[in-house]
C-alpha atoms as a PDB file:
ATOM      1  CA  MET A   1      30.549 -54.342 -45.207  1.00  0.00           C
ATOM      2  CA  SER A   2      33.279 -52.588 -42.957  1.00  0.00           C
ATOM      3  CA  PHE A   3      35.329 -49.428 -43.288  1.00  0.00           C
ATOM      4  CA  PRO A   4      38.838 -49.005 -42.947  1.00  0.00           C
ATOM      5  CA  PHE A   5      39.884 -47.032 -39.929  1.00  0.00           C
ATOM      6  CA  ILE A   6      42.444 -46.913 -37.417  1.00  0.00           C
ATOM      7  CA  ILE A   7      42.554 -45.492 -33.838  1.00  0.00           C
ATOM      8  CA  GLN A   8      45.693 -43.827 -32.851  1.00  0.00           C
ATOM      9  CA  GLY A   9      46.065 -41.584 -29.577  1.00  0.00           C
ATOM     10  CA  ASN A  10      42.888 -39.347 -29.082  1.00  0.00           C
ATOM     11  CA  ASN A  11      41.337 -40.142 -32.321  1.00  0.00           C
ATOM     12  CA  ILE A  12      39.631 -42.469 -34.230  1.00  0.00           C
ATOM     13  CA  VAL A  13      39.530 -42.094 -37.720  1.00  0.00           C
ATOM     14  CA  VAL A  14      37.094 -43.962 -40.308  1.00  0.00           C
ATOM     15  CA  VAL A  15      37.091 -43.705 -43.896  1.00  0.00           C
ATOM     16  CA  ILE A  16      33.665 -43.664 -45.659  1.00  0.00           C
ATOM     17  CA  ASP A  17      32.858 -43.594 -49.402  1.00  0.00           C
ATOM     18  CA  ASN A  18      36.458 -42.584 -49.607  1.00  0.00           C
ATOM     19  CA  LYS A  19      36.557 -39.583 -47.285  1.00  0.00           C
ATOM     20  CA  PRO A  20      38.572 -39.577 -44.153  1.00  0.00           C
ATOM     21  CA  HIS A  21      36.258 -38.726 -40.982  1.00  0.00           C
ATOM     22  CA  THR A  22      38.130 -37.994 -37.669  1.00  0.00           C
ATOM     23  CA  VAL A  23      36.646 -38.203 -33.883  1.00  0.00           C
ATOM     24  CA  SER A  24      38.258 -37.232 -31.381  1.00  0.00           C
ATOM     25  CA  LYS A  25      38.094 -38.775 -27.735  1.00  0.00           C
ATOM     26  CA  ASN A  26      36.510 -35.571 -26.472  1.00  0.00           C
ATOM     27  CA  HIS A  27      33.986 -36.390 -29.060  1.00  0.00           C
ATOM     28  CA  ILE A  28      30.847 -37.135 -27.645  1.00  0.00           C
ATOM     29  CA  THR A  29      30.211 -40.068 -29.802  1.00  0.00           C
ATOM     30  CA  TYR A  30      34.263 -41.420 -29.387  1.00  0.00           C
ATOM     31  CA  GLU A  31      33.492 -44.127 -26.800  1.00  0.00           C
ATOM     32  CA  LYS A  32      30.388 -45.192 -29.024  1.00  0.00           C
ATOM     33  CA  LEU A  33      32.379 -45.678 -32.076  1.00  0.00           C
ATOM     34  CA  LYS A  34      34.646 -47.349 -30.334  1.00  0.00           C
ATOM     35  CA  GLU A  35      32.131 -50.197 -29.491  1.00  0.00           C
ATOM     36  CA  ALA A  36      30.272 -49.829 -32.569  1.00  0.00           C
ATOM     37  CA  ILE A  37      34.270 -50.611 -34.492  1.00  0.00           C
ATOM     38  CA  LYS A  38      34.593 -53.643 -31.679  1.00  0.00           C
ATOM     39  CA  ALA A  39      31.384 -55.024 -32.613  1.00  0.00           C
ATOM     40  CA  ALA A  40      31.979 -55.087 -36.238  1.00  0.00           C
ATOM     41  CA  ASP A  41      28.445 -52.635 -36.060  1.00  0.00           C
ATOM     42  CA  TRP A  42      29.452 -51.120 -39.362  1.00  0.00           C
ATOM     43  CA  GLU A  43      26.042 -49.422 -40.091  1.00  0.00           C
ATOM     44  CA  LYS A  44      26.079 -47.908 -36.436  1.00  0.00           C
ATOM     45  CA  VAL A  45      29.816 -46.714 -37.218  1.00  0.00           C
ATOM     46  CA  ARG A  46      27.895 -44.872 -40.466  1.00  0.00           C
ATOM     47  CA  ASP A  47      25.378 -43.427 -38.475  1.00  0.00           C
ATOM     48  CA  LEU A  48      27.720 -42.430 -35.183  1.00  0.00           C
ATOM     49  CA  ILE A  49      30.209 -40.685 -38.361  1.00  0.00           C
ATOM     50  CA  GLU A  50      27.159 -38.833 -39.975  1.00  0.00           C
ATOM     51  CA  PRO A  51      23.893 -38.570 -38.153  1.00  0.00           C
ATOM     52  CA  LYS A  52      22.187 -36.533 -40.558  1.00  0.00           C
ATOM     53  CA  GLN A  53      22.047 -39.407 -42.604  1.00  0.00           C
ATOM     54  CA  VAL A  54      20.013 -40.735 -40.069  1.00  0.00           C
ATOM     55  CA  VAL A  55      17.805 -37.561 -39.772  1.00  0.00           C
ATOM     56  CA  LEU A  56      17.443 -37.965 -43.372  1.00  0.00           C
ATOM     57  CA  ASN A  57      16.136 -41.426 -42.991  1.00  0.00           C
ATOM     58  CA  TYR A  58      13.789 -40.511 -40.049  1.00  0.00           C
ATOM     59  CA  GLY A  59      12.422 -37.646 -41.568  1.00  0.00           C
ATOM     60  CA  GLU A  60      10.949 -40.650 -44.197  1.00  0.00           C
ATOM     61  CA  GLY A  61      11.321 -37.484 -47.415  1.00  0.00           C
ATOM     62  CA  ASN A  62      10.022 -34.593 -45.324  1.00  0.00           C
ATOM     63  CA  VAL A  63      13.685 -33.831 -44.421  1.00  0.00           C
ATOM     64  CA  SER A  64      15.868 -32.484 -46.579  1.00  0.00           C
ATOM     65  CA  ILE A  65      19.565 -31.012 -45.781  1.00  0.00           C
ATOM     66  CA  GLN A  66      21.203 -28.172 -48.166  1.00  0.00           C
ATOM     67  CA  GLY A  67      24.555 -27.424 -46.539  1.00  0.00           C
ATOM     68  CA  GLU A  68      24.109 -26.946 -42.684  1.00  0.00           C
ATOM     69  CA  THR A  69      20.457 -26.045 -42.981  1.00  0.00           C
ATOM     70  CA  PHE A  70      17.654 -28.448 -42.586  1.00  0.00           C
ATOM     71  CA  PHE A  71      13.911 -28.259 -43.981  1.00  0.00           C
ATOM     72  CA  TRP A  72      10.883 -29.994 -43.350  1.00  0.00           C
ATOM     73  CA  ARG A  73       8.642 -30.171 -46.178  1.00  0.00           C
ATOM     74  CA  GLY A  74      10.653 -27.378 -48.024  1.00  0.00           C
ATOM     75  CA  LYS A  75      10.212 -24.789 -44.813  1.00  0.00           C
ATOM     76  CA  GLU A  76      13.977 -24.064 -43.037  1.00  0.00           C
ATOM     77  CA  LEU A  77      13.689 -25.546 -39.559  1.00  0.00           C
ATOM     78  CA  HIS A  78      15.164 -23.540 -36.885  1.00  0.00           C
ATOM     79  CA  ASN A  79      18.706 -24.545 -35.911  1.00  0.00           C
ATOM     80  CA  THR A  80      17.516 -25.425 -32.385  1.00  0.00           C
ATOM     81  CA  LEU A  81      15.511 -27.699 -33.181  1.00  0.00           C
ATOM     82  CA  THR A  82      18.006 -29.745 -35.598  1.00  0.00           C
ATOM     83  CA  GLU A  83      20.814 -29.230 -33.110  1.00  0.00           C
ATOM     84  CA  ARG A  84      18.398 -31.468 -30.835  1.00  0.00           C
ATOM     85  CA  MET A  85      17.479 -33.866 -33.200  1.00  0.00           C
ATOM     86  CA  ILE A  86      21.105 -34.661 -34.069  1.00  0.00           C
ATOM     87  CA  GLN A  87      22.465 -34.406 -30.178  1.00  0.00           C
ATOM     88  CA  MET A  88      19.297 -37.215 -29.377  1.00  0.00           C
ATOM     89  CA  LEU A  89      20.632 -39.286 -32.263  1.00  0.00           C
ATOM     90  CA  LYS A  90      24.131 -39.115 -30.907  1.00  0.00           C
ATOM     91  CA  GLU A  91      22.665 -39.962 -27.238  1.00  0.00           C
ATOM     92  CA  GLU A  92      21.300 -42.865 -28.656  1.00  0.00           C
ATOM     93  CA  PHE A  93      17.560 -41.519 -28.482  1.00  0.00           C
ATOM     94  CA  PRO A  94      15.102 -42.138 -31.113  1.00  0.00           C
ATOM     95  CA  ILE A  95      14.101 -39.107 -32.468  1.00  0.00           C
ATOM     96  CA  GLU A  96      10.283 -40.260 -33.876  1.00  0.00           C
ATOM     97  CA  PRO A  97       8.743 -38.193 -31.089  1.00  0.00           C
ATOM     98  CA  ARG A  98      10.331 -35.228 -31.939  1.00  0.00           C
ATOM     99  CA  ARG A  99       9.256 -35.677 -35.532  1.00  0.00           C
ATOM    100  CA  LEU A 100       5.805 -36.633 -34.579  1.00  0.00           C
ATOM    101  CA  PHE A 101       4.997 -34.122 -31.969  1.00  0.00           C
ATOM    102  CA  GLY A 102       8.340 -32.245 -31.784  1.00  0.00           C
ATOM    103  CA  LEU A 103       7.886 -30.076 -34.625  1.00  0.00           C
ATOM    104  CA  PRO A 104       5.862 -27.003 -34.762  1.00  0.00           C
ATOM    105  CA  TYR A 105       1.941 -27.056 -35.921  1.00  0.00           C
ATOM    106  CA  ARG A 106       2.869 -24.932 -39.110  1.00  0.00           C
ATOM    107  CA  TYR A 107       5.514 -27.704 -40.166  1.00  0.00           C
ATOM    108  CA  TYR A 108       2.752 -30.479 -40.605  1.00  0.00           C
ATOM    109  CA  GLY A 109       0.798 -28.204 -43.075  1.00  0.00           C
END
């Protein structure tokens, strides 16, 4: 499955599920998104556009999102942790170590 896109000036616009997403040239994922489009790696395009979905997938049912707030097994996660997880995903680092070892002990309950 491919997504409609346009690269114009300093922006890439990708339409996913009838929703346009604009990534500007100064965004951390711009070059990776451009390469994924060139390679027709549409799954990676979606992940770069929607990193929250990747966090949900890695969470194996333990992570949920309400608005901009992440929850681990129903307990709110501190923004620093979730921001770091998203940053790791954007930089293409696996978040598995963070999921297994980086969460405070109380989240494993």
